[in-house]
Each structure stands twice: as C-alpha cells, then as structure tokens.
Amino acid sequence: MKLRIHRLAVAEIDHEVDFYEARHPGLGAELENEVDKTFQRILLFPESIPQWESRSHRWVAVLVLFPFTIPYQIDGDEIVVLALAHASRRPGYWSRRR
C-alpha cells in the first residue's frame, strides 16, 4: 500500500508544527516525528486501528503525545490521510474529504 496525504491535511500538519514550534523550540519537530511514526503504524497495520463511526472504510489513529487524531480511508491499494484533527475541536469536520 502507498500513503497519500490530502492537500488540506498537509496544510494542517504544517500549521500545527509551526504553532508548536513557535510556542517552544523543538516541540514542532516532536509533533512532526509523532505524525511520521503514526503514518508508519498506519502503513504497517492499516485495519487494526479503530474505525470511525461504524464506517467500514475509514479509521482514526490517535497520537500519543499530542491532542490530535489522523483520520484516513483505504481506497484500493492507497491509504488516504484526510486530516490532522484536534481531538477536541470541530469533531468530524473532515468527514466530507475524499
């Protein structure tokens, strides 16, 4: 399988990395590292992560050190990352993304 990151998810990742880096030098890099580790976990075990609201083609990975989730869907041989979503803000805002 290959991983594709939705263009809006790329912008969200960049924004949050910059935000954390501005608050404390090095923290943005830690977030980026955790996002990368989560991508690797998704690639290795794409269907072992909890599904999103009983939708059989969507899953939501939870970051360990930061309050974010990474929702994604599987389309054939491609995993599509839909967002870097804050765990307590605007739940499901990304659900219309494809």
PDB file of N, CA and C in Angstrom:
ATOM      1  N   MET A   1       0.839  -1.190   0.000  1.00  0.00           N
ATOM      2  CA  MET A   1       0.000   0.000   0.000  1.00  0.00           C
ATOM      3  C   MET A   1       0.876   1.242   0.000  1.00  0.00           C
ATOM      4  N   LYS A   2       0.324   2.295  -0.569  1.00  0.00           N
ATOM      5  CA  LYS A   2       1.040   3.563  -0.537  1.00  0.00           C
ATOM      6  C   LYS A   2       0.197   4.584   0.234  1.00  0.00           C
ATOM      7  N   LEU A   3       0.864   5.576   0.749  1.00  0.00           N
ATOM      8  CA  LEU A   3       0.220   6.605   1.563  1.00  0.00           C
ATOM      9  C   LEU A   3       0.125   7.894   0.774  1.00  0.00           C
ATOM     10  N   ARG A   4      -1.086   8.472   0.745  1.00  0.00           N
ATOM     11  CA  ARG A   4      -1.295   9.778   0.132  1.00  0.00           C
ATOM     12  C   ARG A   4      -1.896  10.682   1.195  1.00  0.00           C
ATOM     13  N   ILE A   5      -1.406  11.907   1.276  1.00  0.00           N
ATOM     14  CA  ILE A   5      -1.885  12.860   2.263  1.00  0.00           C
ATOM     15  C   ILE A   5      -2.697  13.927   1.543  1.00  0.00           C
ATOM     16  N   HIS A   6      -3.951  14.055   1.927  1.00  0.00           N
ATOM     17  CA  HIS A   6      -4.846  15.062   1.346  1.00  0.00           C
ATOM     18  C   HIS A   6      -4.186  16.436   1.468  1.00  0.00           C
ATOM     19  N   ARG A   7      -4.352  17.283   0.465  1.00  0.00           N
ATOM     20  CA  ARG A   7      -3.687  18.592   0.462  1.00  0.00           C
ATOM     21  C   ARG A   7      -4.075  19.434   1.686  1.00  0.00           C
ATOM     22  N   LEU A   8      -5.306  19.326   2.149  1.00  0.00           N
ATOM     23  CA  LEU A   8      -5.711  20.079   3.343  1.00  0.00           C
ATOM     24  C   LEU A   8      -5.076  19.499   4.605  1.00  0.00           C
ATOM     25  N   ALA A   9      -4.842  18.185   4.617  1.00  0.00           N
ATOM     26  CA  ALA A   9      -4.145  17.568   5.749  1.00  0.00           C
ATOM     27  C   ALA A   9      -2.691  18.041   5.805  1.00  0.00           C
ATOM     28  N   VAL A  10      -2.061  18.184   4.640  1.00  0.00           N
ATOM     29  CA  VAL A  10      -0.689  18.710   4.593  1.00  0.00           C
ATOM     30  C   VAL A  10      -0.648  20.107   5.208  1.00  0.00           C
ATOM     31  N   ALA A  11      -1.606  20.938   4.836  1.00  0.00           N
ATOM     32  CA  ALA A  11      -1.666  22.303   5.382  1.00  0.00           C
ATOM     33  C   ALA A  11      -1.900  22.278   6.888  1.00  0.00           C
ATOM     34  N   GLU A  12      -2.739  21.364   7.371  1.00  0.00           N
ATOM     35  CA  GLU A  12      -2.999  21.270   8.810  1.00  0.00           C
ATOM     36  C   GLU A  12      -1.749  20.834   9.563  1.00  0.00           C
ATOM     37  N   ILE A  13      -1.044  19.871   9.021  1.00  0.00           N
ATOM     38  CA  ILE A  13       0.192  19.409   9.659  1.00  0.00           C
ATOM     39  C   ILE A  13       1.196  20.551   9.722  1.00  0.00           C
ATOM     40  N   ASP A  14       1.405  21.228   8.607  1.00  0.00           N
ATOM     41  CA  ASP A  14       2.350  22.356   8.575  1.00  0.00           C
ATOM     42  C   ASP A  14       1.963  23.428   9.584  1.00  0.00           C
ATOM     43  N   HIS A  15       0.673  23.755   9.641  1.00  0.00           N
ATOM     44  CA  HIS A  15       0.197  24.792  10.562  1.00  0.00           C
ATOM     45  C   HIS A  15       0.460  24.405  12.021  1.00  0.00           C
ATOM     46  N   GLU A  16       0.116  23.181  12.386  1.00  0.00           N
ATOM     47  CA  GLU A  16       0.283  22.757  13.782  1.00  0.00           C
ATOM     48  C   GLU A  16       1.757  22.617  14.159  1.00  0.00           C
ATOM     49  N   VAL A  17       2.576  22.133  13.250  1.00  0.00           N
ATOM     50  CA  VAL A  17       4.020  22.053  13.522  1.00  0.00           C
ATOM     51  C   VAL A  17       4.574  23.455  13.767  1.00  0.00           C
ATOM     52  N   ASP A  18       4.206  24.408  12.923  1.00  0.00           N
ATOM     53  CA  ASP A  18       4.663  25.794  13.104  1.00  0.00           C
ATOM     54  C   ASP A  18       4.153  26.382  14.423  1.00  0.00           C
ATOM     55  N   PHE A  19       2.896  26.105  14.760  1.00  0.00           N
ATOM     56  CA  PHE A  19       2.307  26.610  16.004  1.00  0.00           C
ATOM     57  C   PHE A  19       3.076  26.095  17.222  1.00  0.00           C
ATOM     58  N   TYR A  20       3.318  24.790  17.277  1.00  0.00           N
ATOM     59  CA  TYR A  20       4.033  24.215  18.419  1.00  0.00           C
ATOM     60  C   TYR A  20       5.487  24.666  18.454  1.00  0.00           C
ATOM     61  N   GLU A  21       6.088  24.812  17.300  1.00  0.00           N
ATOM     62  CA  GLU A  21       7.481  25.267  17.253  1.00  0.00           C
ATOM     63  C   GLU A  21       7.597  26.698  17.769  1.00  0.00           C
ATOM     64  N   ALA A  22       6.621  27.539  17.453  1.00  0.00           N
ATOM     65  CA  ALA A  22       6.636  28.924  17.924  1.00  0.00           C
ATOM     66  C   ALA A  22       6.436  28.998  19.435  1.00  0.00           C
ATOM     67  N   ARG A  23       5.692  28.066  19.983  1.00  0.00           N
ATOM     68  CA  ARG A  23       5.444  28.060  21.433  1.00  0.00           C
ATOM     69  C   ARG A  23       6.653  27.579  22.215  1.00  0.00           C
ATOM     70  N   HIS A  24       7.362  26.608  21.654  1.00  0.00           N
ATOM     71  CA  HIS A  24       8.540  26.059  22.330  1.00  0.00           C
ATOM     72  C   HIS A  24       9.447  25.419  21.282  1.00  0.00           C
ATOM     73  N   PRO A  25      10.645  25.969  21.066  1.00  0.00           N
ATOM     74  CA  PRO A  25      11.543  25.414  20.051  1.00  0.00           C
ATOM     75  C   PRO A  25      11.785  23.916  20.274  1.00  0.00           C
ATOM     76  N   GLY A  26      11.621  23.175  19.212  1.00  0.00           N
ATOM     77  CA  GLY A  26      11.798  21.730  19.254  1.00  0.00           C
ATOM     78  C   GLY A  26      10.491  20.963  19.368  1.00  0.00           C
ATOM     79  N   LEU A  27       9.454  21.613  19.861  1.00  0.00           N
ATOM     80  CA  LEU A  27       8.173  20.935  20.040  1.00  0.00           C
ATOM     81  C   LEU A  27       7.495  20.639  18.701  1.00  0.00           C
ATOM     82  N   GLY A  28       7.667  21.528  17.745  1.00  0.00           N
ATOM     83  CA  GLY A  28       7.121  21.285  16.408  1.00  0.00           C
ATOM     84  C   GLY A  28       7.757  20.055  15.775  1.00  0.00           C
ATOM     85  N   ALA A  29       9.066  19.905  15.970  1.00  0.00           N
ATOM     86  CA  ALA A  29       9.767  18.727  15.441  1.00  0.00           C
ATOM     87  C   ALA A  29       9.270  17.451  16.116  1.00  0.00           C
ATOM     88  N   GLU A  30       8.951  17.533  17.407  1.00  0.00           N
ATOM     89  CA  GLU A  30       8.404  16.373  18.110  1.00  0.00           C
ATOM     90  C   GLU A  30       7.045  15.974  17.547  1.00  0.00           C
ATOM     91  N   LEU A  31       6.207  16.969  17.260  1.00  0.00           N
ATOM     92  CA  LEU A  31       4.914  16.683  16.655  1.00  0.00           C
ATOM     93  C   LEU A  31       5.107  16.038  15.291  1.00  0.00           C
ATOM     94  N   GLU A  32       5.976  16.607  14.489  1.00  0.00           N
ATOM     95  CA  GLU A  32       6.235  16.050  13.156  1.00  0.00           C
ATOM     96  C   GLU A  32       6.730  14.609  13.250  1.00  0.00           C
ATOM     97  N   ASN A  33       7.590  14.338  14.222  1.00  0.00           N
ATOM     98  CA  ASN A  33       8.104  12.987  14.426  1.00  0.00           C
ATOM     99  C   ASN A  33       6.973  12.027  14.811  1.00  0.00           C
ATOM    100  N   GLU A  34       6.075  12.466  15.693  1.00  0.00           N
ATOM    101  CA  GLU A  34       4.976  11.595  16.085  1.00  0.00           C
ATOM    102  C   GLU A  34       4.014  11.352  14.922  1.00  0.00           C
ATOM    103  N   VAL A  35       3.777  12.365  14.108  1.00  0.00           N
ATOM    104  CA  VAL A  35       2.935  12.190  12.928  1.00  0.00           C
ATOM    105  C   VAL A  35       3.575  11.164  11.993  1.00  0.00           C
ATOM    106  N   ASP A  36       4.879  11.275  11.768  1.00  0.00           N
ATOM    107  CA  ASP A  36       5.575  10.324  10.899  1.00  0.00           C
ATOM    108  C   ASP A  36       5.493   8.898  11.458  1.00  0.00           C
ATOM    109  N   LYS A  37       5.658   8.741  12.769  1.00  0.00           N
ATOM    110  CA  LYS A  37       5.547   7.415  13.393  1.00  0.00           C
ATOM    111  C   LYS A  37       4.138   6.853  13.223  1.00  0.00           C
ATOM    112  N   THR A  38       3.145   7.711  13.329  1.00  0.00           N
ATOM    113  CA  THR A  38       1.764   7.278  13.161  1.00  0.00           C
ATOM    114  C   THR A  38       1.513   6.862  11.722  1.00  0.00           C
ATOM    115  N   PHE A  39       2.080   7.591  10.763  1.00  0.00           N
ATOM    116  CA  PHE A  39       1.970   7.185   9.358  1.00  0.00           C
ATOM    117  C   PHE A  39       2.553   5.787   9.156  1.00  0.00           C
ATOM    118  N   GLN A  40       3.694   5.517   9.764  1.00  0.00           N
ATOM    119  CA  GLN A  40       4.316   4.199   9.629  1.00  0.00           C
ATOM    120  C   GLN A  40       3.432   3.111  10.236  1.00  0.00           C
ATOM    121  N   ARG A  41       2.827   3.406  11.396  1.00  0.00           N
ATOM    122  CA  ARG A  41       1.929   2.442  12.042  1.00  0.00           C
ATOM    123  C   ARG A  41       0.714   2.179  11.148  1.00  0.00           C
ATOM    124  N   ILE A  42       0.181   3.232  10.549  1.00  0.00           N
ATOM    125  CA  ILE A  42      -0.959   3.084   9.645  1.00  0.00           C
ATOM    126  C   ILE A  42      -0.579   2.219   8.441  1.00  0.00           C
ATOM    127  N   LEU A  43       0.596   2.454   7.873  1.00  0.00           N
ATOM    128  CA  LEU A  43       1.036   1.662   6.723  1.00  0.00           C
ATOM    129  C   LEU A  43       1.233   0.187   7.069  1.00  0.00           C
ATOM    130  N   LEU A  44       1.755  -0.078   8.259  1.00  0.00           N
ATOM    131  CA  LEU A  44       2.005  -1.463   8.669  1.00  0.00           C
ATOM    132  C   LEU A  44       0.717  -2.204   9.027  1.00  0.00           C
ATOM    133  N   PHE A  45      -0.187  -1.527   9.725  1.00  0.00           N
ATOM    134  CA  PHE A  45      -1.402  -2.172  10.229  1.00  0.00           C
ATOM    135  C   PHE A  45      -2.630  -1.303   9.954  1.00  0.00           C
ATOM    136  N   PRO A  46      -2.959  -1.077   8.702  1.00  0.00           N
ATOM    137  CA  PRO A  46      -4.000  -0.095   8.378  1.00  0.00           C
ATOM    138  C   PRO A  46      -5.384  -0.409   8.944  1.00  0.00           C
ATOM    139  N   GLU A  47      -5.723  -1.663   9.088  1.00  0.00           N
ATOM    140  CA  GLU A  47      -7.066  -2.009   9.547  1.00  0.00           C
ATOM    141  C   GLU A  47      -7.125  -2.392  11.020  1.00  0.00           C
ATOM    142  N   SER A  48      -6.027  -2.221  11.736  1.00  0.00           N
ATOM    143  CA  SER A  48      -6.015  -2.568  13.160  1.00  0.00           C
ATOM    144  C   SER A  48      -6.366  -1.382  14.054  1.00  0.00           C
ATOM    145  N   ILE A  49      -6.514  -0.229  13.468  1.00  0.00           N
ATOM    146  CA  ILE A  49      -6.838   0.999  14.198  1.00  0.00           C
ATOM    147  C   ILE A  49      -8.360   1.129  14.239  1.00  0.00           C
ATOM    148  N   PRO A  50      -8.926   1.716  15.299  1.00  0.00           N
ATOM    149  CA  PRO A  50     -10.395   1.796  15.388  1.00  0.00           C
ATOM    150  C   PRO A  50     -11.039   2.512  14.203  1.00  0.00           C
ATOM    151  N   GLN A  51     -12.179   1.981  13.793  1.00  0.00           N
ATOM    152  CA  GLN A  51     -12.930   2.600  12.704  1.00  0.00           C
ATOM    153  C   GLN A  51     -13.651   3.840  13.197  1.00  0.00           C
ATOM    154  N   TRP A  52     -13.959   4.707  12.233  1.00  0.00           N
ATOM    155  CA  TRP A  52     -14.660   5.942  12.554  1.00  0.00           C
ATOM    156  C   TRP A  52     -16.150   5.736  12.377  1.00  0.00           C
ATOM    157  N   GLU A  53     -16.897   5.861  13.454  1.00  0.00           N
ATOM    158  CA  GLU A  53     -18.364   5.817  13.433  1.00  0.00           C
ATOM    159  C   GLU A  53     -18.947   4.713  12.569  1.00  0.00           C
ATOM    160  N   SER A  54     -18.515   3.530  12.754  1.00  0.00           N
ATOM    161  CA  SER A  54     -19.037   2.353  12.043  1.00  0.00           C
ATOM    162  C   SER A  54     -18.935   2.439  10.514  1.00  0.00           C
ATOM    163  N   ARG A  55     -18.089   3.301  10.029  1.00  0.00           N
ATOM    164  CA  ARG A  55     -17.857   3.347   8.576  1.00  0.00           C
ATOM    165  C   ARG A  55     -16.735   2.368   8.257  1.00  0.00           C
ATOM    166  N   SER A  56     -17.049   1.412   7.420  1.00  0.00           N
ATOM    167  CA  SER A  56     -16.118   0.314   7.188  1.00  0.00           C
ATOM    168  C   SER A  56     -14.870   0.704   6.416  1.00  0.00           C
ATOM    169  N   HIS A  57     -14.832   1.867   5.815  1.00  0.00           N
ATOM    170  CA  HIS A  57     -13.672   2.249   5.003  1.00  0.00           C
ATOM    171  C   HIS A  57     -12.867   3.397   5.624  1.00  0.00           C
ATOM    172  N   ARG A  58     -13.217   3.815   6.853  1.00  0.00           N
ATOM    173  CA  ARG A  58     -12.497   4.923   7.488  1.00  0.00           C
ATOM    174  C   ARG A  58     -12.047   4.550   8.897  1.00  0.00           C
ATOM    175  N   TRP A  59     -10.843   5.002   9.226  1.00  0.00           N
ATOM    176  CA  TRP A  59     -10.245   4.737  10.530  1.00  0.00           C
ATOM    177  C   TRP A  59      -9.707   6.036  11.099  1.00  0.00           C
ATOM    178  N   VAL A  60      -9.453   6.039  12.417  1.00  0.00           N
ATOM    179  CA  VAL A  60      -8.908   7.224  13.069  1.00  0.00           C
ATOM    180  C   VAL A  60      -7.792   6.799  14.019  1.00  0.00           C
ATOM    181  N   ALA A  61      -6.561   7.178  13.677  1.00  0.00           N
ATOM    182  CA  ALA A  61      -5.404   6.909  14.529  1.00  0.00           C
ATOM    183  C   ALA A  61      -5.253   8.058  15.525  1.00  0.00           C
ATOM    184  N   VAL A  62      -4.925   7.710  16.767  1.00  0.00           N
ATOM    185  CA  VAL A  62      -4.782   8.706  17.822  1.00  0.00           C
ATOM    186  C   VAL A  62      -3.301   8.893  18.123  1.00  0.00           C
ATOM    187  N   LEU A  63      -2.845  10.148  18.121  1.00  0.00           N
ATOM    188  CA  LEU A  63      -1.469  10.430  18.504  1.00  0.00           C
ATOM    189  C   LEU A  63      -1.332  10.260  20.011  1.00  0.00           C
ATOM    190  N   VAL A  64      -0.158   9.872  20.453  1.00  0.00           N
ATOM    191  CA  VAL A  64       0.071   9.583  21.866  1.00  0.00           C
ATOM    192  C   VAL A  64       0.432  10.836  22.649  1.00  0.00           C
ATOM    193  N   LEU A  65       1.327  11.652  22.118  1.00  0.00           N
ATOM    194  CA  LEU A  65       1.869  12.781  22.875  1.00  0.00           C
ATOM    195  C   LEU A  65       1.184  14.119  22.624  1.00  0.00           C
ATOM    196  N   PHE A  66       0.386  14.196  21.582  1.00  0.00           N
ATOM    197  CA  PHE A  66      -0.272  15.450  21.223  1.00  0.00           C
ATOM    198  C   PHE A  66      -1.774  15.195  21.059  1.00  0.00           C
ATOM    199  N   PRO A  67      -2.602  16.220  21.242  1.00  0.00           N
ATOM    200  CA  PRO A  67      -4.057  16.023  21.219  1.00  0.00           C
ATOM    201  C   PRO A  67      -4.651  16.026  19.805  1.00  0.00           C
ATOM    202  N   PHE A  68      -4.159  15.131  18.967  1.00  0.00           N
ATOM    203  CA  PHE A  68      -4.606  15.069  17.586  1.00  0.00           C
ATOM    204  C   PHE A  68      -4.946  13.642  17.184  1.00  0.00           C
ATOM    205  N   THR A  69      -5.781  13.546  16.172  1.00  0.00           N
ATOM    206  CA  THR A  69      -6.072  12.272  15.534  1.00  0.00           C
ATOM    207  C   THR A  69      -5.741  12.400  14.049  1.00  0.00           C
ATOM    208  N   ILE A  70      -5.534  11.262  13.429  1.00  0.00           N
ATOM    209  CA  ILE A  70      -5.279  11.221  11.995  1.00  0.00           C
ATOM    210  C   ILE A  70      -6.319  10.297  11.368  1.00  0.00           C
ATOM    211  N   PRO A  71      -7.396  10.877  10.842  1.00  0.00           N
ATOM    212  CA  PRO A  71      -8.388  10.069  10.146  1.00  0.00           C
ATOM    213  C   PRO A  71      -7.898   9.720   8.740  1.00  0.00           C
ATOM    214  N   TYR A  72      -8.223   8.511   8.299  1.00  0.00           N
ATOM    215  CA  TYR A  72      -7.805   8.088   6.963  1.00  0.00           C
ATOM    216  C   TYR A  72      -8.800   7.085   6.404  1.00  0.00           C
ATOM    217  N   GLN A  73      -8.700   6.883   5.111  1.00  0.00           N
ATOM    218  CA  GLN A  73      -9.526   5.881   4.455  1.00  0.00           C
ATOM    219  C   GLN A  73      -8.640   5.049   3.546  1.00  0.00           C
ATOM    220  N   ILE A  74      -9.129   3.868   3.228  1.00  0.00           N
ATOM    221  CA  ILE A  74      -8.404   2.978   2.323  1.00  0.00           C
ATOM    222  C   ILE A  74      -9.189   2.903   1.023  1.00  0.00           C
ATOM    223  N   ASP A  75      -8.517   3.253  -0.062  1.00  0.00           N
ATOM    224  CA  ASP A  75      -9.091   3.188  -1.407  1.00  0.00           C
ATOM    225  C   ASP A  75      -8.218   2.266  -2.238  1.00  0.00           C
ATOM    226  N   GLY A  76      -8.629   1.036  -2.370  1.00  0.00           N
ATOM    227  CA  GLY A  76      -7.833   0.069  -3.134  1.00  0.00           C
ATOM    228  C   GLY A  76      -6.500  -0.179  -2.460  1.00  0.00           C
ATOM    229  N   ASP A  77      -5.413   0.144  -3.169  1.00  0.00           N
ATOM    230  CA  ASP A  77      -4.076  -0.046  -2.602  1.00  0.00           C
ATOM    231  C   ASP A  77      -3.500   1.249  -2.048  1.00  0.00           C
ATOM    232  N   GLU A  78      -4.362   2.230  -1.810  1.00  0.00           N
ATOM    233  CA  GLU A  78      -3.920   3.545  -1.336  1.00  0.00           C
ATOM    234  C   GLU A  78      -4.584   3.889  -0.002  1.00  0.00           C
ATOM    235  N   ILE A  79      -3.767   4.372   0.926  1.00  0.00           N
ATOM    236  CA  ILE A  79      -4.266   4.902   2.188  1.00  0.00           C
ATOM    237  C   ILE A  79      -4.256   6.414   2.050  1.00  0.00           C
ATOM    238  N   VAL A  80      -5.404   7.042   2.261  1.00  0.00           N
ATOM    239  CA  VAL A  80      -5.524   8.484   2.106  1.00  0.00           C
ATOM    240  C   VAL A  80      -5.706   9.111   3.482  1.00  0.00           C
ATOM    241  N   VAL A  81      -4.711   9.894   3.912  1.00  0.00           N
ATOM    242  CA  VAL A  81      -4.812  10.632   5.166  1.00  0.00           C
ATOM    243  C   VAL A  81      -5.690  11.847   4.900  1.00  0.00           C
ATOM    244  N   LEU A  82      -6.766  11.973   5.678  1.00  0.00           N
ATOM    245  CA  LEU A  82      -7.752  13.020   5.430  1.00  0.00           C
ATOM    246  C   LEU A  82      -7.497  14.292   6.220  1.00  0.00           C
ATOM    247  N   ALA A  83      -6.851  14.200   7.379  1.00  0.00           N
ATOM    248  CA  ALA A  83      -6.680  15.390   8.217  1.00  0.00           C
ATOM    249  C   ALA A  83      -5.706  15.119   9.351  1.00  0.00           C
ATOM    250  N   LEU A  84      -5.249  16.203   9.945  1.00  0.00           N
ATOM    251  CA  LEU A  84      -4.651  16.177  11.278  1.00  0.00           C
ATOM    252  C   LEU A  84      -5.658  16.952  12.114  1.00  0.00           C
ATOM    253  N   ALA A  85      -6.503  16.222  12.825  1.00  0.00           N
ATOM    254  CA  ALA A  85      -7.635  16.829  13.513  1.00  0.00           C
ATOM    255  C   ALA A  85      -7.381  16.919  15.008  1.00  0.00           C
ATOM    256  N   HIS A  86      -7.631  18.101  15.588  1.00  0.00           N
ATOM    257  CA  HIS A  86      -7.518  18.263  17.031  1.00  0.00           C
ATOM    258  C   HIS A  86      -8.576  17.395  17.696  1.00  0.00           C
ATOM    259  N   ALA A  87      -8.219  16.737  18.759  1.00  0.00           N
ATOM    260  CA  ALA A  87      -9.111  15.771  19.401  1.00  0.00           C
ATOM    261  C   ALA A  87     -10.356  16.392  20.029  1.00  0.00           C
ATOM    262  N   SER A  88     -10.326  17.685  20.334  1.00  0.00           N
ATOM    263  CA  SER A  88     -11.493  18.277  20.998  1.00  0.00           C
ATOM    264  C   SER A  88     -12.073  19.491  20.278  1.00  0.00           C
ATOM    265  N   ARG A  89     -11.678  19.720  19.055  1.00  0.00           N
ATOM    266  CA  ARG A  89     -12.216  20.851  18.281  1.00  0.00           C
ATOM    267  C   ARG A  89     -12.885  20.356  17.009  1.00  0.00           C
ATOM    268  N   ARG A  90     -14.053  20.851  16.734  1.00  0.00           N
ATOM    269  CA  ARG A  90     -14.761  20.582  15.475  1.00  0.00           C
ATOM    270  C   ARG A  90     -14.755  19.108  15.080  1.00  0.00           C
ATOM    271  N   PRO A  91     -15.315  18.239  15.882  1.00  0.00           N
ATOM    272  CA  PRO A  91     -15.276  16.809  15.542  1.00  0.00           C
ATOM    273  C   PRO A  91     -15.912  16.514  14.187  1.00  0.00           C
ATOM    274  N   GLY A  92     -15.232  15.693  13.408  1.00  0.00           N
ATOM    275  CA  GLY A  92     -15.754  15.246  12.129  1.00  0.00           C
ATOM    276  C   GLY A  92     -15.770  16.260  11.006  1.00  0.00           C
ATOM    277  N   TYR A  93     -15.145  17.434  11.199  1.00  0.00           N
ATOM    278  CA  TYR A  93     -15.161  18.467  10.149  1.00  0.00           C
ATOM    279  C   TYR A  93     -14.584  17.952   8.836  1.00  0.00           C
ATOM    280  N   TRP A  94     -13.723  16.996   8.908  1.00  0.00           N
ATOM    281  CA  TRP A  94     -13.016  16.465   7.753  1.00  0.00           C
ATOM    282  C   TRP A  94     -13.803  15.374   7.018  1.00  0.00           C
ATOM    283  N   SER A  95     -14.969  14.998   7.539  1.00  0.00           N
ATOM    284  CA  SER A  95     -15.667  13.803   7.048  1.00  0.00           C
ATOM    285  C   SER A  95     -16.104  13.874   5.587  1.00  0.00           C
ATOM    286  N   ARG A  96     -16.189  15.050   5.005  1.00  0.00           N
ATOM    287  CA  ARG A  96     -16.578  15.154   3.589  1.00  0.00           C
ATOM    288  C   ARG A  96     -15.385  15.068   2.641  1.00  0.00           C
ATOM    289  N   ARG A  97     -14.200  15.020   3.181  1.00  0.00           N
ATOM    290  CA  ARG A  97     -12.999  14.930   2.331  1.00  0.00           C
ATOM    291  C   ARG A  97     -12.908  13.553   1.699  1.00  0.00           C
ATOM    292  N   ARG A  98     -12.327  13.536   0.521  1.00  0.00           N
ATOM    293  CA  ARG A  98     -12.127  12.279  -0.220  1.00  0.00           C
ATOM    294  C   ARG A  98     -10.682  12.145  -0.624  1.00  0.00           C
TER     295      ARG A  98
END
